[in-house]
Amino acid sequence: MESITRYYHIALKYKGLSDRSPAEPSEQARFSMGNSSNSTIHSCTSPHKNLVFVGVYSLVFALGLSLNLIALLVFIRRTKIRSHTMVYMTNLAVADLLLVSTLPVRVHYHMGFSGPSQNLCEILGLVLLVNMYGSIFLLTCISVDRCMAVCFPMSSFVKEGRKKAPLICLGVWMLTVGASLPIYLGKKQTRNGGGDGGGDGGGGNGSESSQCFGATPVYATQAVAVASTLTVGFGIPLATMLLCSSFLIRTISRSTMAQMGLIDSRKIRRMIGASLLIFLVCFLPYHATLVLLYVHAQSMDMSLCDAFHYSLMLACLNAMLDPIAYYFTTETFRNKVEMETVRRMWPSQGQNSEKNHPSQAPLNT
């Protein structure tokens, strides 16, 4: 009889547990759902509504759109006098414009409204990824082109190589699209297989509206993807820009024109330093966060998830800062071309002006 009574109480206890309504999963449980050892889908979702993202993305869209459009119109109108560097700058302006074109949807999402369809989120995430790394490669090409033009101005090999700027830009677009498409296609396969790929390359078990731009990138949990992104997508471009900048500064400082005061070498150094600083501020936090996501893939918390999304926001700032750091600082180059045209039209006036007022020769790239 005593054993029957004990069995009866145990049965009531388990029945009470089964009848209890399922509680809302805790924050830690929400992360552990996607962090099982048999899955590479990590459900790390930032809050849907965030006014910081709304303000920054709106500012980047407004300034990035207007400044890059102005720069692109200037480059198109000056096709007859376009230098090799302008070819890279034109493609960079296009990449930045495509990137900022995705931001209004992000603003709408972070204002708390219902997210767009998952397919649209993934396509916009792909466009942002392609153009972010396209900008990185094009900034590297501009740095190399300027270095070659200044350090080896008389080399026929360098002159012939600089003429291939359109082909190099085509290669950049093919590389970025070709490297990003597998990530997009992999997300679709994962989602069709039961997961839910996020708009920035993430995945999870949440609804489409909550996962659109709130998930962490699924490729951050894949060793090959992280290694290639850090080396080819960031490490090599950064090392190349640092090397070219050091050669450029050393060559300009030792040049006769700088020693005679015909060019302002300090201003050129400030321009180069500002370009490198913008590159580091925009892209270093994003790639550092990718490393942390990979290292802590099995114990991801909300702070790491938020760090990723804020670092992505910093990376998008590059689309707004590129015109300031590169396009509008080349005004001296365009002025030089215009003055040479005037001298050809009025050679006597140009020669007299040259004798009476020796102009400061700008760095022509």
Protein backbone atom coordinates (compact mmCIF):
# COMPACT_ATOMS: atom_id res chain seq x y z
CA MET A 1 0.00 0.00 0.00
CA GLU A 2 2.84 2.38 0.83
CA SER A 3 4.49 1.71 -2.54
CA ILE A 4 1.22 2.38 -4.34
CA THR A 5 0.89 5.71 -2.54
CA ARG A 6 4.47 6.68 -3.46
CA TYR A 7 3.84 5.79 -7.11
CA TYR A 8 0.65 7.88 -7.07
CA HIS A 9 2.50 10.99 -5.80
CA ILE A 10 5.28 10.57 -8.38
CA ALA A 11 2.67 10.29 -11.13
CA LEU A 12 0.97 13.50 -10.00
CA LYS A 13 4.33 15.30 -9.92
CA TYR A 14 5.21 14.43 -13.51
CA LYS A 15 1.68 15.16 -14.64
CA GLY A 16 1.97 18.66 -13.17
CA LEU A 17 5.22 19.24 -15.02
CA SER A 18 3.72 18.17 -18.32
CA ASP A 19 0.64 20.33 -17.86
CA ARG A 20 2.65 23.47 -17.10
CA SER A 21 2.56 26.01 -19.93
CA PRO A 22 5.87 26.38 -21.74
CA ALA A 23 7.78 29.36 -20.42
CA GLU A 24 9.47 31.92 -22.59
CA PRO A 25 13.07 30.76 -23.17
CA SER A 26 15.69 32.72 -21.28
CA GLU A 27 18.34 34.80 -23.04
CA GLN A 28 21.01 32.15 -22.52
CA ALA A 29 18.66 29.42 -23.75
CA ARG A 30 17.93 31.47 -26.84
CA PHE A 31 21.62 31.41 -27.74
CA SER A 32 22.11 27.74 -26.84
CA MET A 33 19.29 26.70 -29.17
CA GLY A 34 21.50 27.42 -32.17
CA ASN A 35 24.80 26.44 -30.62
CA SER A 36 24.52 22.67 -30.63
CA SER A 37 27.53 20.68 -31.77
CA ASN A 38 25.63 19.20 -34.71
CA SER A 39 24.66 22.56 -36.23
CA THR A 40 26.39 25.63 -37.60
CA ILE A 41 23.27 27.77 -37.22
CA HIS A 42 23.69 30.32 -34.41
CA SER A 43 20.64 32.19 -33.22
CA CYS A 44 22.18 35.37 -31.90
CA THR A 45 19.59 38.05 -32.50
CA SER A 46 19.91 41.73 -31.63
CA PRO A 47 16.86 43.74 -30.59
CA HIS A 48 14.61 44.63 -33.47
CA LYS A 49 14.22 48.32 -32.64
CA ASN A 50 17.38 50.39 -32.24
CA LEU A 51 17.38 54.16 -32.68
CA VAL A 52 21.18 54.33 -32.83
CA PHE A 53 21.14 52.24 -36.00
CA VAL A 54 18.30 54.37 -37.36
CA GLY A 55 20.24 57.60 -36.87
CA VAL A 56 23.61 56.38 -38.16
CA TYR A 57 22.25 54.49 -41.16
CA SER A 58 20.07 57.49 -42.09
CA LEU A 59 23.09 59.81 -41.93
CA VAL A 60 25.25 57.44 -43.99
CA PHE A 61 22.49 57.10 -46.57
CA ALA A 62 21.90 60.85 -46.93
CA LEU A 63 25.55 61.93 -47.06
CA GLY A 64 26.83 58.83 -48.85
CA LEU A 65 24.21 59.12 -51.58
CA SER A 66 24.71 62.85 -52.20
CA LEU A 67 28.54 62.89 -52.03
CA ASN A 68 29.03 59.81 -54.18
CA LEU A 69 26.51 61.03 -56.75
CA ILE A 70 28.36 64.35 -57.01
CA ALA A 71 31.68 62.56 -57.38
CA LEU A 72 30.30 60.15 -59.98
CA LEU A 73 28.84 63.01 -62.04
CA VAL A 74 32.20 64.82 -61.95
CA PHE A 75 34.04 61.69 -63.09
CA ILE A 76 31.56 61.01 -65.91
CA ARG A 77 31.71 64.60 -67.20
CA ARG A 78 35.53 64.45 -67.31
CA THR A 79 35.90 61.22 -69.28
CA LYS A 80 38.30 62.82 -71.78
CA ILE A 81 40.81 63.78 -69.09
CA ARG A 82 40.28 60.83 -66.77
CA SER A 83 43.42 59.46 -65.16
CA HIS A 84 43.96 55.84 -64.26
CA THR A 85 43.21 56.60 -60.62
CA MET A 86 39.84 58.07 -61.61
CA VAL A 87 38.88 54.68 -63.09
CA TYR A 88 39.24 53.14 -59.64
CA MET A 89 37.48 56.10 -58.03
CA THR A 90 34.54 55.78 -60.41
CA ASN A 91 34.11 52.10 -59.54
CA LEU A 92 34.51 52.93 -55.85
CA ALA A 93 31.73 55.52 -56.09
CA VAL A 94 29.48 52.93 -57.75
CA ALA A 95 30.24 50.39 -55.01
CA ASP A 96 29.49 52.92 -52.29
CA LEU A 97 26.25 53.94 -53.98
CA LEU A 98 25.10 50.33 -54.19
CA LEU A 99 25.95 49.86 -50.52
CA VAL A 100 24.02 52.92 -49.31
CA SER A 101 21.06 51.88 -51.47
CA THR A 102 20.48 48.97 -49.07
CA LEU A 103 20.37 51.16 -45.97
CA PRO A 104 16.77 52.50 -46.17
CA VAL A 105 15.45 48.97 -45.62
CA ARG A 106 17.70 48.64 -42.58
CA VAL A 107 16.41 51.96 -41.24
CA HIS A 108 12.84 50.74 -41.71
CA TYR A 109 13.67 47.48 -39.91
CA HIS A 110 15.44 49.11 -36.95
CA MET A 111 12.60 51.58 -36.47
CA GLY A 112 10.62 48.58 -35.25
CA PHE A 113 8.42 47.96 -38.27
CA SER A 114 7.80 44.50 -39.63
CA GLY A 115 10.82 43.19 -41.52
CA PRO A 116 10.74 42.48 -45.27
CA SER A 117 10.66 38.98 -46.72
CA GLN A 118 13.56 36.71 -45.95
CA ASN A 119 14.61 36.55 -49.62
CA LEU A 120 14.86 40.35 -49.75
CA CYS A 121 16.86 40.40 -46.51
CA GLU A 122 19.34 37.89 -47.91
CA ILE A 123 19.69 39.73 -51.23
CA LEU A 124 20.31 43.05 -49.46
CA GLY A 125 22.83 41.36 -47.18
CA LEU A 126 24.60 39.98 -50.25
CA VAL A 127 24.68 43.41 -51.93
CA LEU A 128 26.15 44.99 -48.80
CA LEU A 129 28.78 42.25 -48.49
CA VAL A 130 29.81 42.48 -52.15
CA ASN A 131 30.18 46.23 -52.14
CA MET A 132 31.90 46.42 -48.76
CA TYR A 133 34.68 44.13 -49.92
CA GLY A 134 34.61 45.72 -53.35
CA SER A 135 35.36 49.03 -51.64
CA ILE A 136 38.24 47.44 -49.70
CA PHE A 137 39.85 46.06 -52.86
CA LEU A 138 39.32 49.28 -54.82
CA LEU A 139 40.84 51.37 -52.02
CA THR A 140 43.84 49.04 -52.17
CA CYS A 141 44.06 49.50 -55.95
CA ILE A 142 44.02 53.30 -55.55
CA SER A 143 46.83 53.08 -53.01
CA VAL A 144 48.95 50.85 -55.28
CA ASP A 145 48.24 53.00 -58.35
CA ARG A 146 49.30 56.21 -56.62
CA CYS A 147 52.42 54.55 -55.23
CA MET A 148 53.47 53.25 -58.66
CA ALA A 149 52.80 56.61 -60.31
CA VAL A 150 54.90 58.55 -57.80
CA CYS A 151 57.68 56.05 -57.02
CA PHE A 152 58.24 54.82 -60.60
CA PRO A 153 57.10 57.68 -62.87
CA MET A 154 59.44 56.79 -65.76
CA SER A 155 58.97 53.00 -65.78
CA SER A 156 57.41 51.76 -69.00
CA PHE A 157 56.28 48.59 -67.21
CA VAL A 158 54.38 50.65 -64.63
CA LYS A 159 52.82 52.84 -67.32
CA GLU A 160 51.57 49.80 -69.21
CA GLY A 161 50.28 48.23 -66.01
CA ARG A 162 48.32 51.34 -65.04
CA LYS A 163 46.52 51.23 -68.38
CA LYS A 164 44.91 47.97 -67.28
CA ALA A 165 42.85 49.73 -64.60
CA PRO A 166 39.48 48.83 -66.24
CA LEU A 167 40.43 45.15 -66.37
CA ILE A 168 41.57 45.23 -62.75
CA CYS A 169 38.24 46.76 -61.71
CA LEU A 170 36.42 44.04 -63.62
CA GLY A 171 38.49 41.46 -61.76
CA VAL A 172 37.58 43.08 -58.43
CA TRP A 173 33.86 42.84 -59.19
CA MET A 174 34.20 39.21 -60.31
CA LEU A 175 36.16 38.33 -57.17
CA THR A 176 33.74 39.94 -54.72
CA VAL A 177 30.60 38.58 -56.39
CA GLY A 178 32.13 35.13 -56.88
CA ALA A 179 33.27 34.93 -53.25
CA SER A 180 29.96 36.18 -51.81
CA LEU A 181 27.54 34.11 -53.89
CA PRO A 182 28.43 30.77 -52.22
CA ILE A 183 27.56 32.32 -48.84
CA TYR A 184 24.18 33.44 -50.17
CA LEU A 185 23.45 30.08 -51.81
CA GLY A 186 24.58 28.24 -48.68
CA LYS A 187 22.16 30.28 -46.58
CA LYS A 188 19.28 29.39 -48.89
CA GLN A 189 20.12 25.69 -48.65
CA THR A 190 20.32 25.94 -44.87
CA ARG A 191 17.00 27.72 -44.68
CA ASN A 192 15.34 25.21 -47.01
CA GLY A 193 16.76 22.46 -44.85
CA GLY A 194 15.05 23.80 -41.74
CA GLY A 195 17.15 26.72 -40.62
CA ASP A 196 16.51 30.39 -41.12
CA GLY A 197 19.33 32.36 -42.66
CA GLY A 198 19.63 35.94 -41.54
CA GLY A 199 19.99 38.94 -43.83
CA ASP A 200 23.63 39.53 -42.84
CA GLY A 201 24.59 35.94 -43.35
CA GLY A 202 23.17 34.66 -40.12
CA GLY A 203 20.74 31.97 -39.28
CA GLY A 204 18.49 30.94 -36.47
CA ASN A 205 15.24 29.46 -35.35
CA GLY A 206 13.33 32.70 -35.02
CA SER A 207 10.75 34.21 -37.28
CA GLU A 208 11.69 35.95 -40.50
CA SER A 209 10.81 39.41 -39.23
CA SER A 210 13.00 39.04 -36.13
CA GLN A 211 15.93 37.47 -38.00
CA CYS A 212 16.10 39.76 -41.02
CA PHE A 213 19.04 42.01 -40.04
CA GLY A 214 19.36 40.76 -36.46
CA ALA A 215 21.27 37.50 -36.88
CA THR A 216 25.00 36.96 -36.85
CA PRO A 217 26.72 35.71 -40.03
CA VAL A 218 26.71 31.94 -40.44
CA TYR A 219 30.09 32.09 -42.21
CA ALA A 220 31.62 33.38 -38.95
CA THR A 221 31.40 29.80 -37.66
CA GLN A 222 33.26 28.29 -40.62
CA ALA A 223 37.05 28.13 -40.36
CA VAL A 224 37.75 28.38 -44.10
CA ALA A 225 35.40 31.34 -44.59
CA VAL A 226 36.81 33.23 -41.61
CA ALA A 227 40.43 32.56 -42.61
CA SER A 228 39.90 33.67 -46.22
CA THR A 229 37.96 36.75 -45.14
CA LEU A 230 40.65 37.84 -42.69
CA THR A 231 43.55 37.24 -45.09
CA VAL A 232 42.28 38.01 -48.60
CA GLY A 233 39.48 40.38 -47.61
CA PHE A 234 41.28 42.43 -44.98
CA GLY A 235 44.83 41.40 -44.05
CA ILE A 236 46.44 41.54 -47.50
CA PRO A 237 44.69 44.83 -48.47
CA LEU A 238 45.72 46.44 -45.16
CA ALA A 239 49.35 45.30 -45.49
CA THR A 240 49.42 46.51 -49.10
CA MET A 241 48.06 49.94 -48.18
CA LEU A 242 50.52 50.33 -45.31
CA LEU A 243 53.45 49.35 -47.55
CA CYS A 244 52.40 51.63 -50.41
CA SER A 245 51.75 54.53 -48.05
CA SER A 246 55.21 54.21 -46.49
CA PHE A 247 56.88 54.13 -49.93
CA LEU A 248 54.78 57.08 -51.08
CA ILE A 249 55.61 59.23 -48.05
CA ARG A 250 59.32 58.39 -48.26
CA THR A 251 59.50 59.15 -51.98
CA ILE A 252 57.68 62.47 -51.66
CA SER A 253 59.76 63.58 -48.67
CA ARG A 254 63.00 62.88 -50.54
CA SER A 255 61.88 64.47 -53.79
CA THR A 256 63.45 67.68 -55.06
CA MET A 257 60.02 69.29 -55.37
CA ALA A 258 59.36 68.76 -51.66
CA GLN A 259 62.76 70.07 -50.64
CA MET A 260 62.27 73.17 -52.80
CA GLY A 261 58.83 73.76 -51.31
CA LEU A 262 56.96 73.22 -54.59
CA ILE A 263 54.68 70.69 -52.95
CA ASP A 264 53.34 70.52 -49.42
CA SER A 265 54.65 67.15 -48.25
CA ARG A 266 53.07 67.57 -44.81
CA LYS A 267 49.63 67.95 -46.35
CA ILE A 268 50.18 64.84 -48.45
CA ARG A 269 51.24 62.89 -45.36
CA ARG A 270 48.11 64.05 -43.55
CA MET A 271 45.96 62.92 -46.48
CA ILE A 272 47.60 59.49 -46.53
CA GLY A 273 47.34 59.16 -42.75
CA ALA A 274 43.68 60.16 -42.79
CA SER A 275 42.91 57.56 -45.49
CA LEU A 276 44.60 54.81 -43.46
CA LEU A 277 42.83 55.90 -40.29
CA ILE A 278 39.43 55.79 -41.99
CA PHE A 279 40.21 52.32 -43.35
CA LEU A 280 41.18 51.01 -39.91
CA VAL A 281 38.28 52.62 -38.03
CA CYS A 282 35.73 51.30 -40.51
CA PHE A 283 36.95 47.78 -41.18
CA LEU A 284 39.17 46.65 -38.28
CA PRO A 285 36.35 46.33 -35.68
CA TYR A 286 34.21 44.29 -38.09
CA HIS A 287 36.94 41.74 -38.83
CA ALA A 288 38.05 41.60 -35.20
CA THR A 289 34.46 40.79 -34.25
CA LEU A 290 34.37 37.99 -36.83
CA VAL A 291 37.32 36.40 -35.04
CA LEU A 292 35.54 36.65 -31.68
CA LEU A 293 32.38 35.14 -33.16
CA TYR A 294 34.36 32.19 -34.46
CA VAL A 295 36.27 31.66 -31.20
CA HIS A 296 33.13 31.90 -29.03
CA ALA A 297 30.77 30.18 -31.47
CA GLN A 298 29.66 27.65 -28.88
CA SER A 299 29.16 30.21 -26.08
CA MET A 300 27.84 33.27 -27.86
CA ASP A 301 26.17 35.94 -25.74
CA MET A 302 24.18 39.09 -26.45
CA SER A 303 27.11 41.47 -25.98
CA LEU A 304 29.07 39.72 -28.74
CA CYS A 305 26.02 39.74 -30.96
CA ASP A 306 25.58 43.49 -30.44
CA ALA A 307 29.30 44.08 -31.07
CA PHE A 308 28.98 42.46 -34.49
CA HIS A 309 26.08 44.68 -35.54
CA TYR A 310 27.75 47.86 -34.30
CA SER A 311 30.96 46.91 -36.13
CA LEU A 312 28.94 46.38 -39.31
CA MET A 313 27.47 49.85 -38.82
CA LEU A 314 31.02 51.24 -38.57
CA ALA A 315 31.97 49.46 -41.78
CA CYS A 316 29.08 51.17 -43.57
CA LEU A 317 30.47 54.57 -42.54
CA ASN A 318 33.17 54.02 -45.16
CA ALA A 319 30.64 54.71 -47.91
CA MET A 320 30.16 58.21 -46.51
CA LEU A 321 33.83 58.91 -45.75
CA ASP A 322 35.33 57.71 -49.06
CA PRO A 323 34.26 60.83 -51.01
CA ILE A 324 35.78 63.09 -48.37
CA ALA A 325 39.05 61.18 -48.09
CA TYR A 326 39.62 60.45 -51.79
CA TYR A 327 37.44 62.28 -54.31
CA PHE A 328 37.41 65.84 -53.03
CA THR A 329 41.10 65.76 -52.06
CA THR A 330 41.98 65.27 -55.75
CA GLU A 331 40.77 68.76 -56.67
CA THR A 332 44.40 69.83 -57.11
CA PHE A 333 44.85 67.16 -59.74
CA ARG A 334 41.87 68.39 -61.77
CA ASN A 335 42.97 72.01 -61.39
CA LYS A 336 46.36 71.10 -62.80
CA VAL A 337 44.75 69.54 -65.87
CA GLU A 338 42.55 72.60 -66.36
CA MET A 339 45.51 75.00 -66.04
CA GLU A 340 47.47 73.00 -68.62
CA THR A 341 44.54 73.33 -71.00
CA VAL A 342 44.50 77.11 -70.48
CA ARG A 343 48.25 77.33 -71.13
CA ARG A 344 47.83 75.52 -74.45
CA MET A 345 45.18 78.04 -75.50
CA TRP A 346 47.21 81.12 -74.45
CA PRO A 347 50.85 80.01 -74.41
CA SER A 348 52.34 83.51 -74.02
CA GLN A 349 50.17 84.33 -71.00
CA GLY A 350 50.92 80.93 -69.49
CA GLN A 351 54.68 81.37 -69.86
CA ASN A 352 54.65 84.88 -68.36
CA SER A 353 52.52 83.69 -65.48
CA GLU A 354 54.89 80.77 -64.95
CA LYS A 355 57.90 83.11 -64.72
CA ASN A 356 56.29 85.70 -62.49
CA HIS A 357 54.36 83.30 -60.24
CA PRO A 358 55.82 79.82 -60.10
CA SER A 359 52.97 77.55 -59.17
CA GLN A 360 53.14 74.84 -56.61
CA ALA A 361 53.10 71.53 -58.39
CA PRO A 362 50.49 69.20 -56.99
CA LEU A 363 50.83 65.46 -56.75
CA ASN A 364 49.45 64.21 -60.06
CA THR A 365 48.09 60.72 -60.10
